[in-house]
Amino acid sequence: MKTTEEIRKRQLSFALKFAVPYIGFIILMYLVVYLGKDWIVNQQIFGLPLHYFLVAIFIYPVTWLIFGYYVKRANDMEDEIKKQ
């Protein structure tokens, strides 16, 4: 039971290290799009308005990269704790 509690505590700490900056990044991105909408709407990337690119296309690859890294590290952490 002690191992389970240790895994939960370490993974919660690890998850919060990712979640807080990620949520802050998402909020900041939407805030930048909202506050700079006059300029951002007129900018184009690959033929798409910049705000579409930022809030729809850019965010998904970033999310999947972070997700993949997190899952790998969380599994490694669990394996490490089991070995102890």
Protein backbone atom coordinates (compact mmCIF):
# COMPACT_ATOMS: atom_id res chain seq x y z
CA MET A 1 0.00 0.00 0.00
CA LYS A 2 2.88 2.33 0.75
CA THR A 3 4.17 1.95 -2.82
CA THR A 4 0.79 2.93 -4.24
CA GLU A 5 0.68 6.07 -2.11
CA GLU A 6 4.23 6.98 -3.11
CA ILE A 7 3.40 6.54 -6.80
CA ARG A 8 0.29 8.68 -6.45
CA LYS A 9 2.11 11.48 -4.64
CA ARG A 10 5.03 11.58 -7.08
CA GLN A 11 2.78 11.41 -10.13
CA LEU A 12 0.49 14.14 -8.77
CA SER A 13 3.49 16.39 -8.22
CA PHE A 14 4.79 15.55 -11.69
CA ALA A 15 1.36 16.13 -13.28
CA LEU A 16 0.99 19.53 -11.63
CA LYS A 17 4.39 20.58 -12.96
CA PHE A 18 2.94 20.05 -16.45
CA ALA A 19 -0.67 21.09 -15.90
CA VAL A 20 -0.15 24.52 -14.36
CA PRO A 21 2.19 25.91 -17.07
CA TYR A 22 0.15 24.24 -19.83
CA ILE A 23 -3.14 25.76 -18.65
CA GLY A 24 -1.38 29.10 -18.22
CA PHE A 25 -0.06 28.83 -21.79
CA ILE A 26 -3.56 28.09 -23.14
CA ILE A 27 -5.10 30.99 -21.25
CA LEU A 28 -2.30 33.31 -22.36
CA MET A 29 -2.72 32.27 -25.99
CA TYR A 30 -6.44 32.98 -25.95
CA LEU A 31 -5.84 36.27 -24.12
CA VAL A 32 -3.28 37.36 -26.73
CA VAL A 33 -5.70 36.48 -29.53
CA TYR A 34 -8.49 38.38 -27.77
CA LEU A 35 -6.46 41.48 -26.95
CA GLY A 36 -4.63 41.63 -30.28
CA LYS A 37 -7.56 40.64 -32.46
CA ASP A 38 -7.32 43.65 -34.78
CA TRP A 39 -3.73 42.84 -35.71
CA ILE A 40 -3.96 39.04 -35.49
CA VAL A 41 -6.99 38.73 -37.78
CA ASN A 42 -5.06 40.38 -40.61
CA GLN A 43 -2.00 38.09 -40.32
CA GLN A 44 -1.76 34.93 -42.41
CA ILE A 45 0.21 31.69 -41.95
CA PHE A 46 -0.05 29.08 -44.71
CA GLY A 47 -3.12 30.92 -46.01
CA LEU A 48 -4.95 30.74 -42.67
CA PRO A 49 -5.66 33.65 -40.34
CA LEU A 50 -3.16 33.70 -37.47
CA HIS A 51 -5.84 33.27 -34.81
CA TYR A 52 -7.05 30.02 -36.44
CA PHE A 53 -3.49 28.80 -36.61
CA LEU A 54 -2.79 29.62 -32.94
CA VAL A 55 -5.94 28.31 -31.29
CA ALA A 56 -6.77 25.41 -33.61
CA ILE A 57 -3.75 24.07 -35.48
CA PHE A 58 -0.74 24.97 -33.31
CA ILE A 59 -2.17 23.81 -30.00
CA TYR A 60 -2.86 20.16 -30.98
CA PRO A 61 0.69 19.09 -31.84
CA VAL A 62 1.96 20.85 -28.71
CA THR A 63 -0.64 19.03 -26.61
CA TRP A 64 0.25 15.62 -28.07
CA LEU A 65 3.98 16.18 -27.59
CA ILE A 66 3.45 17.12 -23.95
CA PHE A 67 1.07 14.19 -23.48
CA GLY A 68 3.52 11.71 -24.97
CA TYR A 69 6.41 12.98 -22.85
CA TYR A 70 4.27 12.96 -19.71
CA VAL A 71 3.05 9.37 -20.21
CA LYS A 72 6.57 8.11 -20.87
CA ARG A 73 7.99 9.84 -17.79
CA ALA A 74 5.07 8.75 -15.59
CA ASN A 75 5.53 5.12 -16.63
CA ASP A 76 9.29 5.34 -16.04
CA MET A 77 8.63 6.84 -12.61
CA GLU A 78 6.24 4.01 -11.74
CA ASP A 79 8.74 1.37 -12.89
CA GLU A 80 11.48 3.03 -10.85
CA ILE A 81 9.35 3.03 -7.70
CA LYS A 82 8.40 -0.64 -8.22
CA LYS A 83 12.10 -1.58 -8.38
CA GLN A 84 12.79 0.01 -4.99
